[in-house]
Structure formats: C-alpha cells, structure tokens
C-alpha atoms as a PDB file:
ATOM      1  CA  MET A   1      96.812  87.362  94.848  1.00  0.00           C
ATOM      2  CA  LYS A   2      96.233  89.001  98.207  1.00  0.00           C
ATOM      3  CA  ASP A   3      93.827  91.714  99.404  1.00  0.00           C
ATOM      4  CA  GLY A   4      91.643  91.735  96.324  1.00  0.00           C
ATOM      5  CA  LEU A   5      94.464  92.319  93.846  1.00  0.00           C
ATOM      6  CA  GLU A   6      92.665  90.056  91.397  1.00  0.00           C
ATOM      7  CA  VAL A   7      90.190  92.935  90.999  1.00  0.00           C
ATOM      8  CA  MET A   8      92.910  94.906  89.258  1.00  0.00           C
ATOM      9  CA  ASP A   9      93.021  92.348  86.435  1.00  0.00           C
ATOM     10  CA  ARG A  10      89.328  92.890  85.663  1.00  0.00           C
ATOM     11  CA  ASP A  11      87.984  95.610  83.404  1.00  0.00           C
ATOM     12  CA  LEU A  12      86.490  97.705  86.200  1.00  0.00           C
ATOM     13  CA  HIS A  13      86.435 101.394  86.946  1.00  0.00           C
ATOM     14  CA  VAL A  14      87.525 102.124  90.485  1.00  0.00           C
ATOM     15  CA  ILE A  15      87.556 105.418  92.348  1.00  0.00           C
ATOM     16  CA  GLU A  16      91.128 105.366  93.586  1.00  0.00           C
ATOM     17  CA  THR A  17      91.925 106.596  97.077  1.00  0.00           C
ATOM     18  CA  GLY A  18      95.204 107.029  98.895  1.00  0.00           C
ATOM     19  CA  GLU A  19      94.384 104.184 101.270  1.00  0.00           C
ATOM     20  CA  VAL A  20      93.779 101.737  98.427  1.00  0.00           C
ATOM     21  CA  TYR A  21      96.907 102.920  96.621  1.00  0.00           C
ATOM     22  CA  GLU A  22      99.035 102.492  99.727  1.00  0.00           C
ATOM     23  CA  ARG A  23      97.718  98.992 100.399  1.00  0.00           C
ATOM     24  CA  TRP A  24      97.875  97.668  96.840  1.00  0.00           C
ATOM     25  CA  PHE A  25     100.898  99.330  95.339  1.00  0.00           C
ATOM     26  CA  ARG A  26     103.136 100.465  98.192  1.00  0.00           C
ATOM     27  CA  GLY A  27     102.233  98.182 101.063  1.00  0.00           C
ATOM     28  CA  PRO A  28     104.312  95.445 102.672  1.00  0.00           C
ATOM     29  CA  ASP A  29     103.263  92.853 100.071  1.00  0.00           C
ATOM     30  CA  ARG A  30     104.492  94.971  97.158  1.00  0.00           C
ATOM     31  CA  GLU A  31     107.582  92.824  96.559  1.00  0.00           C
ATOM     32  CA  THR A  32     105.590  89.565  96.423  1.00  0.00           C
ATOM     33  CA  MET A  33     102.657  90.789  94.307  1.00  0.00           C
ATOM     34  CA  ARG A  34     102.252  89.125  90.963  1.00  0.00           C
ATOM     35  CA  LEU A  35     100.377  91.542  88.750  1.00  0.00           C
ATOM     36  CA  SER A  36     100.031  91.060  85.004  1.00  0.00           C
ATOM     37  CA  ALA A  37     100.848  94.745  84.341  1.00  0.00           C
ATOM     38  CA  PRO A  38     102.623  97.616  86.078  1.00  0.00           C
ATOM     39  CA  PRO A  39     100.452  99.581  88.552  1.00  0.00           C
ATOM     40  CA  SER A  40     100.579 102.652  86.300  1.00  0.00           C
ATOM     41  CA  GLU A  41      98.926 100.666  83.495  1.00  0.00           C
ATOM     42  CA  TYR A  42      96.073  99.568  85.777  1.00  0.00           C
ATOM     43  CA  PHE A  43      95.583 103.120  86.935  1.00  0.00           C
ATOM     44  CA  LEU A  44      95.497 104.659  83.465  1.00  0.00           C
ATOM     45  CA  ARG A  45      93.221 101.897  82.176  1.00  0.00           C
ATOM     46  CA  GLN A  46      90.615 101.676  84.922  1.00  0.00           C
ATOM     47  CA  CYS A  47      91.103 103.900  87.959  1.00  0.00           C
ATOM     48  CA  PHE A  48      90.055 107.409  88.842  1.00  0.00           C
ATOM     49  CA  ILE A  49      91.269 109.821  91.514  1.00  0.00           C
ATOM     50  CA  ALA A  50      88.615 111.872  93.285  1.00  0.00           C
ATOM     51  CA  THR A  51      90.186 115.250  94.061  1.00  0.00           C
ATOM     52  CA  GLU A  52      89.008 117.799  96.576  1.00  0.00           C
ATOM     53  CA  PRO A  53      87.953 121.201  95.177  1.00  0.00           C
ATOM     54  CA  ASP A  54      90.784 122.974  97.004  1.00  0.00           C
ATOM     55  CA  GLU A  55      93.581 120.511  96.154  1.00  0.00           C
ATOM     56  CA  ALA A  56      96.650 122.743  95.921  1.00  0.00           C
ATOM     57  CA  LEU A  57      98.780 120.012  94.320  1.00  0.00           C
ATOM     58  CA  LEU A  58      96.309 119.109  91.574  1.00  0.00           C
ATOM     59  CA  SER A  59      98.487 120.729  88.913  1.00  0.00           C
ATOM     60  CA  VAL A  60     101.384 118.467  89.976  1.00  0.00           C
ATOM     61  CA  VAL A  61      99.166 115.378  89.692  1.00  0.00           C
ATOM     62  CA  ILE A  62      98.020 116.488  86.226  1.00  0.00           C
ATOM     63  CA  ASP A  63     101.618 117.099  85.152  1.00  0.00           C
ATOM     64  CA  THR A  64     102.558 113.603  86.374  1.00  0.00           C
ATOM     65  CA  LEU A  65      99.540 111.457  85.405  1.00  0.00           C
ATOM     66  CA  GLY A  66      97.538 113.610  83.029  1.00  0.00           C
ATOM     67  CA  ASP A  67      93.943 114.720  83.523  1.00  0.00           C
ATOM     68  CA  ASP A  68      92.058 111.765  82.015  1.00  0.00           C
ATOM     69  CA  ASN A  69      91.529 109.876  85.290  1.00  0.00           C
ATOM     70  CA  ILE A  70      90.551 112.606  87.754  1.00  0.00           C
ATOM     71  CA  VAL A  71      87.063 113.555  88.966  1.00  0.00           C
ATOM     72  CA  MET A  72      86.046 116.089  91.602  1.00  0.00           C
ATOM     73  CA  SER A  73      84.602 115.007  94.930  1.00  0.00           C
ATOM     74  CA  VAL A  74      81.837 117.112  96.436  1.00  0.00           C
ATOM     75  CA  ASP A  75      80.892 114.813  99.339  1.00  0.00           C
ATOM     76  CA  TYR A  76      77.315 116.153  99.277  1.00  0.00           C
ATOM     77  CA  PRO A  77      75.307 116.290 101.564  1.00  0.00           C
ATOM     78  CA  HIS A  78      77.857 115.873 104.369  1.00  0.00           C
ATOM     79  CA  ALA A  79      78.277 118.992 106.491  1.00  0.00           C
ATOM     80  CA  ASP A  80      82.073 118.851 106.214  1.00  0.00           C
ATOM     81  CA  GLY A  81      81.966 118.700 102.400  1.00  0.00           C
ATOM     82  CA  PRO A  82      82.605 121.646 100.089  1.00  0.00           C
ATOM     83  CA  PHE A  83      78.927 122.173  99.163  1.00  0.00           C
ATOM     84  CA  PRO A  84      77.687 124.721  98.079  1.00  0.00           C
ATOM     85  CA  ASP A  85      80.921 126.538  97.138  1.00  0.00           C
ATOM     86  CA  GLY A  86      83.064 123.608  96.011  1.00  0.00           C
ATOM     87  CA  VAL A  87      82.660 124.069  92.265  1.00  0.00           C
ATOM     88  CA  ALA A  88      83.469 127.789  92.471  1.00  0.00           C
ATOM     89  CA  GLU A  89      86.500 126.992  94.619  1.00  0.00           C
ATOM     90  CA  PHE A  90      87.641 124.364  92.124  1.00  0.00           C
ATOM     91  CA  LEU A  91      87.215 126.727  89.175  1.00  0.00           C
ATOM     92  CA  ASP A  92      89.458 129.240  90.960  1.00  0.00           C
ATOM     93  CA  LEU A  93      92.364 126.787  91.338  1.00  0.00           C
ATOM     94  CA  PRO A  94      95.554 128.263  89.895  1.00  0.00           C
ATOM     95  CA  ARG A  95      97.820 126.392  87.448  1.00  0.00           C
ATOM     96  CA  VAL A  96      95.009 124.082  86.265  1.00  0.00           C
ATOM     97  CA  SER A  97      93.873 124.790  82.701  1.00  0.00           C
ATOM     98  CA  ARG A  98      90.275 125.438  81.748  1.00  0.00           C
ATOM     99  CA  ASP A  99      90.346 122.291  79.587  1.00  0.00           C
ATOM    100  CA  SER A 100      91.544 120.172  82.528  1.00  0.00           C
ATOM    101  CA  LYS A 101      88.845 121.635  84.764  1.00  0.00           C
ATOM    102  CA  ARG A 102      86.182 120.782  82.152  1.00  0.00           C
ATOM    103  CA  LYS A 103      87.456 117.213  81.920  1.00  0.00           C
ATOM    104  CA  ILE A 104      87.586 116.802  85.707  1.00  0.00           C
ATOM    105  CA  LEU A 105      84.121 118.282  86.289  1.00  0.00           C
ATOM    106  CA  TRP A 106      82.312 116.734  83.330  1.00  0.00           C
ATOM    107  CA  ASP A 107      84.053 114.601  80.697  1.00  0.00           C
ATOM    108  CA  ASN A 108      85.815 112.155  83.037  1.00  0.00           C
ATOM    109  CA  ARG A 109      82.759 111.665  85.241  1.00  0.00           C
ATOM    110  CA  ARG A 110      80.610 111.043  82.165  1.00  0.00           C
ATOM    111  CA  ARG A 111      83.114 108.412  81.011  1.00  0.00           C
ATOM    112  CA  LEU A 112      83.372 106.866  84.502  1.00  0.00           C
ATOM    113  CA  TYR A 113      79.598 106.404  84.759  1.00  0.00           C
ATOM    114  CA  GLY A 114      79.094 105.488  81.096  1.00  0.00           C
ATOM    115  CA  PHE A 115      76.810 108.433  80.233  1.00  0.00           C
ATOM    116  CA  GLU A 116      76.415 109.149  76.535  1.00  0.00           C
ATOM    117  CA  LEU A 117      76.288 112.645  75.065  1.00  0.00           C
ATOM    118  CA  VAL A 118      72.845 113.476  73.690  1.00  0.00           C
ATOM    119  CA  GLY A 119      72.364 115.849  70.775  1.00  0.00           C
END
C-alpha cells in the first residue's frame, strides 16, 4: 500500500482532514489502492472530522455521515483561531440540533481520547 494506507487497516483513531482525505481516498492512486474495506467503513470505524465553529455546511455533513465522528476545533492558542468566542459561535449554528452539538463538543471528544465518565 502507498502513502501510509496500511495505517487505515489498524485500529487507530485519526483526526481526518481534507488533505488526508483527498490524498488517500480521492487522489491519483485511488484506482490502484487495495483496501480491505470501503473508505466509508474506515471513516465510521476510526476517523474523526475536526470542524470549525462557524462551519456553515456542518448540518449537511451530519445529514450525510451522522454526528458520531465529528469534534470541534478551537486551534487555541493561535491568534487566528476562534478563541475565546468559538464555543458560543458553534452553539449558535443553525440547523444543528442541541444533541448533535453536545456530541460534537463533548461525547465524541471523550470517546476519541478514551476518557471515562466519572460519577
């Protein structure tokens, strides 16, 4: 396998980015790749999308892929990041349910990092 595709056959959690997606699943080697599962199965099993707090198309992504594999990016402490207003901006996104926002801000990140609920 080329370009680290063997990583996709391991049980890893990966923060998925557009660049990685383009290279692995839509790039010039797409026709010759030999994966043991369809790309959608890898994604749903072990990848996460980090969304920006002001992502206008987030509701479309949720409608297409669901909300189980999305976390919010804050890019703290970089000056061009959404801190300190990013969470408020995210909570104001239209067409994204309160339950999806809770999952994206808390539940999915907890699962990604393996944190257990206490109490």
